[in-house]
């Protein structure tokens, strides 16, 4: 299964947030775990129904949704 096929959206689950297929874990939740310093091994231990490919799918999803974002420097220039 290609990585991003592991991510799905269902309006009846978590208000339509992107989730890992077959779970109620949102992509956002997994990304927040990683951002807080949790390792892949720790996440897989705490959520044994996940596979390493699920974590990579969350990262891939985040990369795709930010691909075409426009960034504006909000810092004042002198």
Protein backbone atom coordinates (compact mmCIF):
# COMPACT_ATOMS: atom_id res chain seq x y z
CA UNK A 1 0.00 0.00 0.00
CA UNK A 2 1.51 3.36 -0.98
CA UNK A 3 2.30 5.52 2.01
CA UNK A 4 -0.42 8.16 1.59
CA UNK A 5 -3.12 5.51 1.14
CA UNK A 6 -2.68 4.98 4.87
CA UNK A 7 -4.27 8.40 5.53
CA UNK A 8 -8.01 8.90 5.23
CA UNK A 9 -10.69 11.44 6.08
CA UNK A 10 -14.14 10.57 7.38
CA UNK A 11 -16.50 13.34 8.49
CA UNK A 12 -17.88 10.96 11.14
CA UNK A 13 -14.47 10.42 12.78
CA UNK A 14 -12.76 13.26 14.67
CA UNK A 15 -14.79 15.84 12.77
CA UNK A 16 -13.18 14.95 9.46
CA UNK A 17 -9.55 15.41 10.51
CA UNK A 18 -7.07 13.32 8.51
CA UNK A 19 -6.49 10.06 10.39
CA UNK A 20 -4.47 6.91 10.01
CA UNK A 21 -6.71 4.46 8.17
CA UNK A 22 -8.39 1.96 10.51
CA UNK A 23 -7.69 4.04 13.63
CA UNK A 24 -8.98 7.08 15.41
CA UNK A 25 -5.48 8.61 15.60
CA UNK A 26 -5.17 11.87 13.74
CA UNK A 27 -2.22 12.84 11.63
CA UNK A 28 -1.96 15.96 13.78
CA UNK A 29 -1.68 13.87 16.96
CA UNK A 30 1.17 11.77 15.55
CA UNK A 31 2.97 14.88 14.29
CA UNK A 32 2.60 16.50 17.71
CA UNK A 33 4.10 13.41 19.34
CA UNK A 34 7.08 13.60 17.00
CA UNK A 35 7.43 17.36 17.50
CA UNK A 36 7.44 16.90 21.28
CA UNK A 37 10.42 14.58 20.98
CA UNK A 38 8.77 11.16 20.97
CA UNK A 39 10.69 8.66 18.87
CA UNK A 40 9.15 6.35 16.31
CA UNK A 41 9.96 3.44 18.62
CA UNK A 42 8.16 5.09 21.56
CA UNK A 43 5.08 5.81 19.45
CA UNK A 44 4.97 2.24 18.13
CA UNK A 45 5.34 0.89 21.69
CA UNK A 46 2.52 3.12 23.01
CA UNK A 47 0.28 2.41 20.00
CA UNK A 48 1.09 -1.18 19.00
CA UNK A 49 -1.59 -1.26 16.31
CA UNK A 50 0.47 1.27 14.29
CA UNK A 51 3.14 0.36 11.77
CA UNK A 52 6.28 2.36 10.94
CA UNK A 53 4.67 3.11 7.56
CA UNK A 54 1.81 4.89 9.38
CA UNK A 55 4.25 7.36 10.94
CA UNK A 56 5.94 7.94 7.57
CA UNK A 57 2.50 8.47 6.04
CA UNK A 58 1.80 11.23 8.58
CA UNK A 59 5.08 12.94 7.68
CA UNK A 60 4.35 12.53 3.98
CA UNK A 61 0.89 13.99 4.41
CA UNK A 62 2.31 17.00 6.24
CA UNK A 63 4.87 17.51 3.49
CA UNK A 64 2.17 17.42 0.82
CA UNK A 65 -0.20 19.85 2.50
CA UNK A 66 2.56 22.40 3.07
CA UNK A 67 4.10 22.01 -0.39
CA UNK A 68 2.44 25.03 -1.97
CA UNK A 69 2.09 27.28 1.06
CA UNK A 70 3.25 30.86 0.72
CA UNK A 71 5.34 32.08 3.60
CA UNK A 72 5.33 35.71 4.62
CA UNK A 73 8.04 37.08 6.87
CA UNK A 74 6.18 38.84 9.65
CA UNK A 75 9.33 40.30 11.18
CA UNK A 76 9.50 44.07 10.83
CA UNK A 77 12.29 45.41 8.68
CA UNK A 78 14.09 48.63 9.58
